[in-house]
Amino acid sequence: MASIQYTQLSGPVGDMYDGGGISHAAIIPASAKRVITSGEGGLDQETGKLVTSSVEDQVRAAFKLVDRILKDAGVTRGVEGVYKWTALVLDMKNEAVLMKVFNELCPNTKPTFMTFAVAGLALEGMEVELQAEALIY
């Protein structure tokens, strides 16, 4: 069974990415099935309501929701099986919180990661929305 191959540039740019827990590129084996989530916000899975206690709590809830969705779709490793993340944030200052939570939840992975600052998200009070791509082998 082939696995994802992550690549990193050598030198200071590669060191910066590596230190942040992300990679420059991911090479996907042809034998894998790709799973792509929709954009997912920090919703409480018990109530369906947006978590608004703090940005960090909302980010954690978003990762937890993506983890459940991926596992339900057959990605046994959940968020640790993601090779590509896309994050939408209202304020780029919150990217530090996003990456802190990501690195706590996925310390042994180095997927590609792209963050965009946007003017608005799906729900009032939503600070972050995550989209993930993972594989089933």
Protein backbone atom coordinates (compact mmCIF):
# COMPACT_ATOMS: atom_id res chain seq x y z
CA MET A 1 0.00 0.00 0.00
CA ALA A 2 1.46 3.35 -1.05
CA SER A 3 1.25 6.29 1.31
CA ILE A 4 1.31 10.05 0.96
CA GLN A 5 4.76 11.47 0.35
CA TYR A 6 5.32 14.95 1.82
CA THR A 7 8.01 17.21 0.42
CA GLN A 8 9.86 20.15 1.88
CA LEU A 9 12.24 22.63 0.31
CA SER A 10 15.72 22.62 1.78
CA GLY A 11 16.99 25.76 3.45
CA PRO A 12 15.32 28.48 5.51
CA VAL A 13 11.92 28.41 3.75
CA GLY A 14 11.63 24.64 4.25
CA ASP A 15 12.79 25.04 7.86
CA MET A 16 10.03 27.61 8.45
CA TYR A 17 7.34 25.28 7.08
CA ASP A 18 8.76 22.28 8.94
CA GLY A 19 8.81 24.26 12.20
CA GLY A 20 5.15 25.13 11.71
CA GLY A 21 4.15 21.51 11.23
CA ILE A 22 3.23 21.82 7.55
CA SER A 23 4.69 20.77 4.18
CA HIS A 24 5.19 22.41 0.80
CA ALA A 25 3.59 19.59 -1.18
CA ALA A 26 1.86 16.23 -0.85
CA ILE A 27 2.19 13.48 -3.46
CA ILE A 28 -0.96 11.33 -3.50
CA PRO A 29 -0.80 7.66 -4.50
CA ALA A 30 -3.07 6.76 -7.43
CA SER A 31 -4.53 3.80 -5.50
CA ALA A 32 -6.11 5.95 -2.77
CA LYS A 33 -9.68 7.29 -2.56
CA ARG A 34 -9.89 10.98 -1.75
CA VAL A 35 -12.31 12.34 0.86
CA ILE A 36 -13.07 16.08 0.78
CA THR A 37 -15.11 17.80 3.47
CA SER A 38 -17.31 20.82 3.05
CA GLY A 39 -16.39 23.95 4.93
CA GLU A 40 -16.99 23.18 8.60
CA GLY A 41 -17.31 25.71 11.40
CA GLY A 42 -16.92 25.37 15.13
CA LEU A 43 -20.31 23.87 15.90
CA ASP A 44 -21.17 22.08 19.12
CA GLN A 45 -22.08 18.57 17.98
CA GLU A 46 -24.62 18.11 20.78
CA THR A 47 -26.59 21.31 20.17
CA GLY A 48 -25.72 22.22 16.57
CA LYS A 49 -25.01 25.76 17.76
CA LEU A 50 -21.86 27.75 17.07
CA VAL A 51 -19.31 27.69 19.92
CA THR A 52 -18.77 31.32 20.90
CA SER A 53 -16.98 31.09 24.28
CA SER A 54 -13.60 31.91 22.65
CA VAL A 55 -11.88 31.74 19.28
CA GLU A 56 -9.76 28.83 20.54
CA ASP A 57 -12.85 26.90 21.66
CA GLN A 58 -14.47 27.52 18.28
CA VAL A 59 -11.34 26.34 16.44
CA ARG A 60 -11.20 23.17 18.60
CA ALA A 61 -14.88 22.50 17.88
CA ALA A 62 -14.26 22.90 14.13
CA PHE A 63 -11.38 20.40 14.20
CA LYS A 64 -13.48 18.01 16.31
CA LEU A 65 -16.34 18.23 13.80
CA VAL A 66 -14.02 17.62 10.84
CA ASP A 67 -12.52 14.66 12.71
CA ARG A 68 -15.96 13.10 13.16
CA ILE A 69 -16.95 13.73 9.54
CA LEU A 70 -13.75 12.15 8.21
CA LYS A 71 -14.06 9.10 10.44
CA ASP A 72 -17.69 8.71 9.42
CA ALA A 73 -16.54 8.79 5.76
CA GLY A 74 -13.98 6.03 6.40
CA VAL A 75 -10.78 7.98 7.17
CA THR A 76 -9.78 5.97 10.25
CA ARG A 77 -7.16 8.49 11.40
CA GLY A 78 -9.58 11.43 11.18
CA VAL A 79 -7.80 14.80 11.26
CA GLU A 80 -4.45 13.05 11.57
CA GLY A 81 -5.08 11.56 8.11
CA VAL A 82 -5.53 14.94 6.40
CA TYR A 83 -2.98 15.79 3.72
CA LYS A 84 -4.45 19.21 2.80
CA TRP A 85 -6.17 21.84 4.94
CA THR A 86 -7.84 25.04 3.83
CA ALA A 87 -8.86 27.48 6.55
CA LEU A 88 -10.95 30.62 6.26
CA VAL A 89 -10.60 33.16 9.08
CA LEU A 90 -12.16 36.54 9.67
CA ASP A 91 -8.95 37.91 11.19
CA MET A 92 -5.45 36.71 10.28
CA LYS A 93 -4.45 37.38 13.89
CA ASN A 94 -6.42 34.22 14.70
CA GLU A 95 -4.14 32.11 12.49
CA ALA A 96 -1.78 31.73 15.47
CA VAL A 97 -4.63 30.17 17.50
CA LEU A 98 -5.58 27.98 14.54
CA MET A 99 -2.03 26.66 14.14
CA LYS A 100 -1.58 26.18 17.89
CA VAL A 101 -4.66 23.96 18.06
CA PHE A 102 -3.72 22.16 14.84
CA ASN A 103 -0.23 21.33 16.12
CA GLU A 104 -1.65 20.09 19.44
CA LEU A 105 -4.17 17.82 17.72
CA CYS A 106 -1.91 16.62 14.89
CA PRO A 107 1.67 16.64 16.22
CA ASN A 108 2.84 13.82 13.96
CA THR A 109 1.52 15.11 10.64
CA LYS A 110 2.81 17.71 8.20
CA PRO A 111 0.03 18.34 5.64
CA THR A 112 -0.19 21.26 3.27
CA PHE A 113 -2.10 24.15 4.88
CA MET A 114 -3.56 27.30 3.33
CA THR A 115 -5.25 30.06 5.33
CA PHE A 116 -7.33 32.84 3.79
CA ALA A 117 -8.68 35.95 5.50
CA VAL A 118 -12.25 36.61 4.40
CA ALA A 119 -14.84 39.33 4.98
CA GLY A 120 -17.49 36.96 6.30
CA LEU A 121 -18.35 33.32 6.98
CA ALA A 122 -21.52 31.22 6.94
CA LEU A 123 -22.87 32.09 10.41
CA GLU A 124 -22.93 35.26 12.50
CA GLY A 125 -20.07 35.00 15.00
CA MET A 126 -18.19 32.34 13.04
CA GLU A 127 -14.45 33.10 13.20
CA VAL A 128 -13.07 30.06 11.35
CA GLU A 129 -14.16 27.52 8.76
CA LEU A 130 -12.10 24.42 7.89
CA GLN A 131 -12.04 22.26 4.78
CA ALA A 132 -9.98 19.07 4.72
CA GLU A 133 -8.80 16.53 2.18
CA ALA A 134 -7.80 13.04 3.30
CA LEU A 135 -7.35 9.58 1.82
CA ILE A 136 -8.77 6.10 2.24
CA TYR A 137 -6.39 3.34 1.23
